[in-house]
Amino acid sequence: MYYVYVLESSIDNRLYKGQTQDLENRLHEHNSGKVRSTKGYLPWILRYYETFETREVAVKREKYFKTGSGREFLKSKIMAA
């Protein structure tokens, strides 16, 4: 399984979108400062994720989340939670 996930920084509420096969380990990597692009905004909270059977589909979904309409979709999902 592949996961597309959205993290939220507890510092300034910025969102980070990514994809992985091991969601628990990836969240740990983000929160231990091992990911250069996120280490300045620790800690991160998992706000949303979806599962996919192939990496190809997960990467496409991650790219969608990074578009304007994808960000609006996430905003509606996260605000509803």
PDB file of N, CA and C in Angstrom:
ATOM      1  N   MET A   1       0.835  -1.193   0.000  1.00  0.00           N
ATOM      2  CA  MET A   1       0.000   0.000   0.000  1.00  0.00           C
ATOM      3  C   MET A   1       0.871   1.245   0.000  1.00  0.00           C
ATOM      4  N   TYR A   2       0.358   2.270  -0.617  1.00  0.00           N
ATOM      5  CA  TYR A   2       1.016   3.577  -0.649  1.00  0.00           C
ATOM      6  C   TYR A   2       0.062   4.593  -0.036  1.00  0.00           C
ATOM      7  N   TYR A   3       0.637   5.549   0.644  1.00  0.00           N
ATOM      8  CA  TYR A   3      -0.145   6.579   1.317  1.00  0.00           C
ATOM      9  C   TYR A   3       0.225   7.950   0.773  1.00  0.00           C
ATOM     10  N   VAL A   4      -0.787   8.761   0.564  1.00  0.00           N
ATOM     11  CA  VAL A   4      -0.585  10.184   0.312  1.00  0.00           C
ATOM     12  C   VAL A   4      -1.071  10.862   1.577  1.00  0.00           C
ATOM     13  N   TYR A   5      -0.229  11.721   2.142  1.00  0.00           N
ATOM     14  CA  TYR A   5      -0.543  12.276   3.453  1.00  0.00           C
ATOM     15  C   TYR A   5      -0.384  13.794   3.457  1.00  0.00           C
ATOM     16  N   VAL A   6      -1.060  14.392   4.424  1.00  0.00           N
ATOM     17  CA  VAL A   6      -0.973  15.837   4.627  1.00  0.00           C
ATOM     18  C   VAL A   6      -0.651  16.065   6.100  1.00  0.00           C
ATOM     19  N   LEU A   7       0.435  16.783   6.321  1.00  0.00           N
ATOM     20  CA  LEU A   7       0.844  17.143   7.679  1.00  0.00           C
ATOM     21  C   LEU A   7       0.590  18.617   7.902  1.00  0.00           C
ATOM     22  N   GLU A   8       0.340  18.981   9.144  1.00  0.00           N
ATOM     23  CA  GLU A   8       0.172  20.389   9.507  1.00  0.00           C
ATOM     24  C   GLU A   8       1.191  20.742  10.578  1.00  0.00           C
ATOM     25  N   SER A   9       1.881  21.847  10.375  1.00  0.00           N
ATOM     26  CA  SER A   9       2.858  22.315  11.356  1.00  0.00           C
ATOM     27  C   SER A   9       2.136  22.933  12.546  1.00  0.00           C
ATOM     28  N   SER A  10       2.558  22.537  13.725  1.00  0.00           N
ATOM     29  CA  SER A  10       1.973  23.118  14.942  1.00  0.00           C
ATOM     30  C   SER A  10       2.436  24.550  15.162  1.00  0.00           C
ATOM     31  N   ILE A  11       3.506  24.946  14.485  1.00  0.00           N
ATOM     32  CA  ILE A  11       4.048  26.297  14.657  1.00  0.00           C
ATOM     33  C   ILE A  11       3.229  27.336  13.896  1.00  0.00           C
ATOM     34  N   ASP A  12       3.006  27.089  12.609  1.00  0.00           N
ATOM     35  CA  ASP A  12       2.335  28.123  11.804  1.00  0.00           C
ATOM     36  C   ASP A  12       1.204  27.592  10.920  1.00  0.00           C
ATOM     37  N   ASN A  13       0.765  26.359  11.166  1.00  0.00           N
ATOM     38  CA  ASN A  13      -0.365  25.750  10.457  1.00  0.00           C
ATOM     39  C   ASN A  13      -0.122  25.504   8.977  1.00  0.00           C
ATOM     40  N   ARG A  14       1.133  25.592   8.516  1.00  0.00           N
ATOM     41  CA  ARG A  14       1.397  25.290   7.101  1.00  0.00           C
ATOM     42  C   ARG A  14       1.175  23.806   6.871  1.00  0.00           C
ATOM     43  N   LEU A  15       0.821  23.463   5.630  1.00  0.00           N
ATOM     44  CA  LEU A  15       0.578  22.079   5.261  1.00  0.00           C
ATOM     45  C   LEU A  15       1.734  21.540   4.434  1.00  0.00           C
ATOM     46  N   TYR A  16       2.038  20.273   4.624  1.00  0.00           N
ATOM     47  CA  TYR A  16       3.042  19.574   3.840  1.00  0.00           C
ATOM     48  C   TYR A  16       2.372  18.336   3.256  1.00  0.00           C
ATOM     49  N   LYS A  17       2.547  18.117   1.953  1.00  0.00           N
ATOM     50  CA  LYS A  17       1.951  16.965   1.282  1.00  0.00           C
ATOM     51  C   LYS A  17       3.052  16.035   0.815  1.00  0.00           C
ATOM     52  N   GLY A  18       2.856  14.731   0.992  1.00  0.00           N
ATOM     53  CA  GLY A  18       3.854  13.762   0.565  1.00  0.00           C
ATOM     54  C   GLY A  18       3.228  12.405   0.341  1.00  0.00           C
ATOM     55  N   GLN A  19       4.064  11.445  -0.078  1.00  0.00           N
ATOM     56  CA  GLN A  19       3.591  10.079  -0.242  1.00  0.00           C
ATOM     57  C   GLN A  19       4.669   9.116   0.230  1.00  0.00           C
ATOM     58  N   THR A  20       4.230   7.952   0.734  1.00  0.00           N
ATOM     59  CA  THR A  20       5.142   6.974   1.317  1.00  0.00           C
ATOM     60  C   THR A  20       4.486   5.603   1.367  1.00  0.00           C
ATOM     61  N   GLN A  21       5.297   4.580   1.613  1.00  0.00           N
ATOM     62  CA  GLN A  21       4.760   3.251   1.868  1.00  0.00           C
ATOM     63  C   GLN A  21       4.603   2.998   3.361  1.00  0.00           C
ATOM     64  N   ASP A  22       5.321   3.714   4.183  1.00  0.00           N
ATOM     65  CA  ASP A  22       5.295   3.507   5.631  1.00  0.00           C
ATOM     66  C   ASP A  22       4.941   4.827   6.315  1.00  0.00           C
ATOM     67  N   LEU A  23       3.665   5.033   6.517  1.00  0.00           N
ATOM     68  CA  LEU A  23       3.175   6.315   7.032  1.00  0.00           C
ATOM     69  C   LEU A  23       3.691   6.604   8.442  1.00  0.00           C
ATOM     70  N   GLU A  24       3.684   5.612   9.305  1.00  0.00           N
ATOM     71  CA  GLU A  24       4.133   5.827  10.690  1.00  0.00           C
ATOM     72  C   GLU A  24       5.613   6.220  10.738  1.00  0.00           C
ATOM     73  N   ASN A  25       6.435   5.524   9.987  1.00  0.00           N
ATOM     74  CA  ASN A  25       7.865   5.832   9.952  1.00  0.00           C
ATOM     75  C   ASN A  25       8.119   7.205   9.332  1.00  0.00           C
ATOM     76  N   ARG A  26       7.386   7.531   8.283  1.00  0.00           N
ATOM     77  CA  ARG A  26       7.589   8.818   7.616  1.00  0.00           C
ATOM     78  C   ARG A  26       7.230   9.977   8.547  1.00  0.00           C
ATOM     79  N   LEU A  27       6.158   9.841   9.301  1.00  0.00           N
ATOM     80  CA  LEU A  27       5.785  10.884  10.261  1.00  0.00           C
ATOM     81  C   LEU A  27       6.886  11.032  11.312  1.00  0.00           C
ATOM     82  N   HIS A  28       7.439   9.911  11.752  1.00  0.00           N
ATOM     83  CA  HIS A  28       8.546   9.957  12.716  1.00  0.00           C
ATOM     84  C   HIS A  28       9.754  10.687  12.114  1.00  0.00           C
ATOM     85  N   GLU A  29      10.067  10.425  10.843  1.00  0.00           N
ATOM     86  CA  GLU A  29      11.184  11.110  10.185  1.00  0.00           C
ATOM     87  C   GLU A  29      10.955  12.616  10.134  1.00  0.00           C
ATOM     88  N   HIS A  30       9.737  13.021   9.807  1.00  0.00           N
ATOM     89  CA  HIS A  30       9.420  14.455   9.774  1.00  0.00           C
ATOM     90  C   HIS A  30       9.602  15.078  11.159  1.00  0.00           C
ATOM     91  N   ASN A  31       9.107  14.411  12.172  1.00  0.00           N
ATOM     92  CA  ASN A  31       9.138  14.986  13.523  1.00  0.00           C
ATOM     93  C   ASN A  31      10.483  14.853  14.221  1.00  0.00           C
ATOM     94  N   SER A  32      11.409  14.067  13.659  1.00  0.00           N
ATOM     95  CA  SER A  32      12.752  14.016  14.249  1.00  0.00           C
ATOM     96  C   SER A  32      13.737  14.901  13.511  1.00  0.00           C
ATOM     97  N   GLY A  33      13.260  15.699  12.579  1.00  0.00           N
ATOM     98  CA  GLY A  33      14.133  16.638  11.886  1.00  0.00           C
ATOM     99  C   GLY A  33      14.968  16.018  10.782  1.00  0.00           C
ATOM    100  N   LYS A  34      14.636  14.819  10.328  1.00  0.00           N
ATOM    101  CA  LYS A  34      15.407  14.142   9.284  1.00  0.00           C
ATOM    102  C   LYS A  34      15.040  14.603   7.878  1.00  0.00           C
ATOM    103  N   VAL A  35      13.949  15.346   7.751  1.00  0.00           N
ATOM    104  CA  VAL A  35      13.503  15.825   6.437  1.00  0.00           C
ATOM    105  C   VAL A  35      13.820  17.311   6.357  1.00  0.00           C
ATOM    106  N   ARG A  36      14.731  17.658   5.463  1.00  0.00           N
ATOM    107  CA  ARG A  36      15.233  19.036   5.392  1.00  0.00           C
ATOM    108  C   ARG A  36      14.117  20.059   5.187  1.00  0.00           C
ATOM    109  N   SER A  37      13.154  19.739   4.326  1.00  0.00           N
ATOM    110  CA  SER A  37      12.123  20.727   4.014  1.00  0.00           C
ATOM    111  C   SER A  37      11.120  20.950   5.143  1.00  0.00           C
ATOM    112  N   THR A  38      11.090  20.079   6.144  1.00  0.00           N
ATOM    113  CA  THR A  38      10.107  20.243   7.218  1.00  0.00           C
ATOM    114  C   THR A  38      10.719  20.465   8.599  1.00  0.00           C
ATOM    115  N   LYS A  39      12.034  20.341   8.729  1.00  0.00           N
ATOM    116  CA  LYS A  39      12.614  20.373  10.072  1.00  0.00           C
ATOM    117  C   LYS A  39      12.499  21.723  10.767  1.00  0.00           C
ATOM    118  N   GLY A  40      12.294  22.796  10.047  1.00  0.00           N
ATOM    119  CA  GLY A  40      12.163  24.102  10.674  1.00  0.00           C
ATOM    120  C   GLY A  40      10.782  24.409  11.223  1.00  0.00           C
ATOM    121  N   TYR A  41       9.850  23.476  11.055  1.00  0.00           N
ATOM    122  CA  TYR A  41       8.461  23.745  11.440  1.00  0.00           C
ATOM    123  C   TYR A  41       7.891  22.654  12.344  1.00  0.00           C
ATOM    124  N   LEU A  42       8.749  22.037  13.128  1.00  0.00           N
ATOM    125  CA  LEU A  42       8.332  20.963  14.040  1.00  0.00           C
ATOM    126  C   LEU A  42       7.465  21.498  15.162  1.00  0.00           C
ATOM    127  N   PRO A  43       6.599  20.708  15.718  1.00  0.00           N
ATOM    128  CA  PRO A  43       6.210  19.357  15.339  1.00  0.00           C
ATOM    129  C   PRO A  43       5.110  19.358  14.279  1.00  0.00           C
ATOM    130  N   TRP A  44       4.971  18.199  13.614  1.00  0.00           N
ATOM    131  CA  TRP A  44       3.974  18.001  12.563  1.00  0.00           C
ATOM    132  C   TRP A  44       2.885  17.060  13.051  1.00  0.00           C
ATOM    133  N   ILE A  45       1.671  17.348  12.642  1.00  0.00           N
ATOM    134  CA  ILE A  45       0.513  16.527  12.996  1.00  0.00           C
ATOM    135  C   ILE A  45      -0.076  15.967  11.708  1.00  0.00           C
ATOM    136  N   LEU A  46      -0.356  14.685  11.689  1.00  0.00           N
ATOM    137  CA  LEU A  46      -1.002  14.074  10.525  1.00  0.00           C
ATOM    138  C   LEU A  46      -2.449  14.542  10.490  1.00  0.00           C
ATOM    139  N   ARG A  47      -2.831  15.238   9.432  1.00  0.00           N
ATOM    140  CA  ARG A  47      -4.190  15.782   9.325  1.00  0.00           C
ATOM    141  C   ARG A  47      -5.076  15.008   8.374  1.00  0.00           C
ATOM    142  N   TYR A  48      -4.477  14.339   7.360  1.00  0.00           N
ATOM    143  CA  TYR A  48      -5.292  13.658   6.359  1.00  0.00           C
ATOM    144  C   TYR A  48      -4.418  12.678   5.597  1.00  0.00           C
ATOM    145  N   TYR A  49      -4.988  11.547   5.204  1.00  0.00           N
ATOM    146  CA  TYR A  49      -4.262  10.629   4.331  1.00  0.00           C
ATOM    147  C   TYR A  49      -5.234   9.784   3.522  1.00  0.00           C
ATOM    148  N   GLU A  50      -4.753   9.268   2.411  1.00  0.00           N
ATOM    149  CA  GLU A  50      -5.490   8.360   1.546  1.00  0.00           C
ATOM    150  C   GLU A  50      -4.560   7.200   1.203  1.00  0.00           C
ATOM    151  N   THR A  51      -5.130   6.031   0.933  1.00  0.00           N
ATOM    152  CA  THR A  51      -4.326   4.863   0.574  1.00  0.00           C
ATOM    153  C   THR A  51      -4.552   4.485  -0.885  1.00  0.00           C
ATOM    154  N   PHE A  52      -3.499   3.948  -1.494  1.00  0.00           N
ATOM    155  CA  PHE A  52      -3.531   3.547  -2.904  1.00  0.00           C
ATOM    156  C   PHE A  52      -2.763   2.247  -3.074  1.00  0.00           C
ATOM    157  N   GLU A  53      -3.123   1.503  -4.100  1.00  0.00           N
ATOM    158  CA  GLU A  53      -2.455   0.228  -4.346  1.00  0.00           C
ATOM    159  C   GLU A  53      -1.142   0.375  -5.099  1.00  0.00           C
ATOM    160  N   THR A  54      -0.982   1.445  -5.876  1.00  0.00           N
ATOM    161  CA  THR A  54       0.252   1.627  -6.641  1.00  0.00           C
ATOM    162  C   THR A  54       0.877   2.978  -6.349  1.00  0.00           C
ATOM    163  N   ARG A  55       2.191   3.032  -6.472  1.00  0.00           N
ATOM    164  CA  ARG A  55       2.908   4.283  -6.257  1.00  0.00           C
ATOM    165  C   ARG A  55       2.530   5.302  -7.333  1.00  0.00           C
ATOM    166  N   GLU A  56       2.325   4.838  -8.550  1.00  0.00           N
ATOM    167  CA  GLU A  56       1.984   5.734  -9.652  1.00  0.00           C
ATOM    168  C   GLU A  56       0.726   6.542  -9.347  1.00  0.00           C
ATOM    169  N   VAL A  57      -0.295   5.885  -8.843  1.00  0.00           N
ATOM    170  CA  VAL A  57      -1.548   6.577  -8.514  1.00  0.00           C
ATOM    171  C   VAL A  57      -1.337   7.509  -7.322  1.00  0.00           C
ATOM    172  N   ALA A  58      -0.547   7.081  -6.346  1.00  0.00           N
ATOM    173  CA  ALA A  58      -0.279   7.918  -5.174  1.00  0.00           C
ATOM    174  C   ALA A  58       0.454   9.199  -5.576  1.00  0.00           C
ATOM    175  N   VAL A  59       1.427   9.081  -6.469  1.00  0.00           N
ATOM    176  CA  VAL A  59       2.182  10.260  -6.913  1.00  0.00           C
ATOM    177  C   VAL A  59       1.264  11.232  -7.643  1.00  0.00           C
ATOM    178  N   LYS A  60       0.356  10.719  -8.468  1.00  0.00           N
ATOM    179  CA  LYS A  60      -0.597  11.589  -9.172  1.00  0.00           C
ATOM    180  C   LYS A  60      -1.485  12.331  -8.179  1.00  0.00           C
ATOM    181  N   ARG A  61      -1.936  11.622  -7.141  1.00  0.00           N
ATOM    182  CA  ARG A  61      -2.793  12.259  -6.142  1.00  0.00           C
ATOM    183  C   ARG A  61      -2.014  13.320  -5.359  1.00  0.00           C
ATOM    184  N   GLU A  62      -0.764  13.023  -5.023  1.00  0.00           N
ATOM    185  CA  GLU A  62       0.068  14.009  -4.329  1.00  0.00           C
ATOM    186  C   GLU A  62       0.218  15.264  -5.182  1.00  0.00           C
ATOM    187  N   LYS A  63       0.460  15.095  -6.466  1.00  0.00           N
ATOM    188  CA  LYS A  63       0.583  16.249  -7.365  1.00  0.00           C
ATOM    189  C   LYS A  63      -0.707  17.043  -7.413  1.00  0.00           C
ATOM    190  N   TYR A  64      -1.851  16.347  -7.403  1.00  0.00           N
ATOM    191  CA  TYR A  64      -3.138  17.042  -7.374  1.00  0.00           C
ATOM    192  C   TYR A  64      -3.265  17.892  -6.113  1.00  0.00           C
ATOM    193  N   PHE A  65      -2.864  17.338  -4.961  1.00  0.00           N
ATOM    194  CA  PHE A  65      -2.963  18.083  -3.698  1.00  0.00           C
ATOM    195  C   PHE A  65      -2.143  19.366  -3.733  1.00  0.00           C
ATOM    196  N   LYS A  66      -1.147  19.425  -4.597  1.00  0.00           N
ATOM    197  CA  LYS A  66      -0.286  20.602  -4.676  1.00  0.00           C
ATOM    198  C   LYS A  66      -0.798  21.641  -5.678  1.00  0.00           C
ATOM    199  N   THR A  67      -1.933  21.380  -6.308  1.00  0.00           N
ATOM    200  CA  THR A  67      -2.550  22.346  -7.219  1.00  0.00           C
ATOM    201  C   THR A  67      -3.527  23.219  -6.438  1.00  0.00           C
ATOM    202  N   GLY A  68      -4.010  24.272  -7.061  1.00  0.00           N
ATOM    203  CA  GLY A  68      -4.985  25.147  -6.409  1.00  0.00           C
ATOM    204  C   GLY A  68      -6.253  24.410  -6.018  1.00  0.00           C
ATOM    205  N   SER A  69      -6.802  23.618  -6.927  1.00  0.00           N
ATOM    206  CA  SER A  69      -8.033  22.890  -6.604  1.00  0.00           C
ATOM    207  C   SER A  69      -7.764  21.805  -5.567  1.00  0.00           C
ATOM    208  N   GLY A  70      -6.585  21.216  -5.600  1.00  0.00           N
ATOM    209  CA  GLY A  70      -6.220  20.225  -4.595  1.00  0.00           C
ATOM    210  C   GLY A  70      -6.104  20.833  -3.213  1.00  0.00           C
ATOM    211  N   ARG A  71      -5.523  22.039  -3.141  1.00  0.00           N
ATOM    212  CA  ARG A  71      -5.421  22.722  -1.845  1.00  0.00           C
ATOM    213  C   ARG A  71      -6.803  23.079  -1.311  1.00  0.00           C
ATOM    214  N   GLU A  72      -7.715  23.473  -2.196  1.00  0.00           N
ATOM    215  CA  GLU A  72      -9.083  23.777  -1.769  1.00  0.00           C
ATOM    216  C   GLU A  72      -9.771  22.513  -1.242  1.00  0.00           C
ATOM    217  N   PHE A  73      -9.569  21.392  -1.939  1.00  0.00           N
ATOM    218  CA  PHE A  73     -10.130  20.112  -1.490  1.00  0.00           C
ATOM    219  C   PHE A  73      -9.629  19.783  -0.082  1.00  0.00           C
ATOM    220  N   LEU A  74      -8.326  19.908   0.123  1.00  0.00           N
ATOM    221  CA  LEU A  74      -7.751  19.605   1.436  1.00  0.00           C
ATOM    222  C   LEU A  74      -8.257  20.552   2.507  1.00  0.00           C
ATOM    223  N   LYS A  75      -8.372  21.808   2.151  1.00  0.00           N
ATOM    224  CA  LYS A  75      -8.869  22.802   3.110  1.00  0.00           C
ATOM    225  C   LYS A  75     -10.276  22.408   3.592  1.00  0.00           C
ATOM    226  N   SER A  76     -11.127  21.973   2.667  1.00  0.00           N
ATOM    227  CA  SER A  76     -12.481  21.575   3.047  1.00  0.00           C
ATOM    228  C   SER A  76     -12.461  20.303   3.904  1.00  0.00           C
ATOM    229  N   LYS A  77     -11.580  19.364   3.593  1.00  0.00           N
ATOM    230  CA  LYS A  77     -11.485  18.131   4.371  1.00  0.00           C
ATOM    231  C   LYS A  77     -10.939  18.389   5.771  1.00  0.00           C
ATOM    232  N   ILE A  78      -9.896  19.199   5.856  1.00  0.00           N
ATOM    233  CA  ILE A  78      -9.254  19.457   7.152  1.00  0.00           C
ATOM    234  C   ILE A  78     -10.144  20.322   8.039  1.00  0.00           C
ATOM    235  N   MET A  79     -10.815  21.304   7.444  1.00  0.00           N
ATOM    236  CA  MET A  79     -11.694  22.177   8.242  1.00  0.00           C
ATOM    237  C   MET A  79     -12.906  21.392   8.753  1.00  0.00           C
ATOM    238  N   ALA A  80     -13.342  20.378   7.996  1.00  0.00           N
ATOM    239  CA  ALA A  80     -14.501  19.585   8.406  1.00  0.00           C
ATOM    240  C   ALA A  80     -14.155  18.620   9.538  1.00  0.00           C
ATOM    241  N   ALA A  81     -12.886  18.322   9.695  1.00  0.00           N
ATOM    242  CA  ALA A  81     -12.468  17.348  10.722  1.00  0.00           C
ATOM    243  C   ALA A  81     -12.411  17.952  12.101  1.00  0.00           C
TER     244      ALA A  81
END
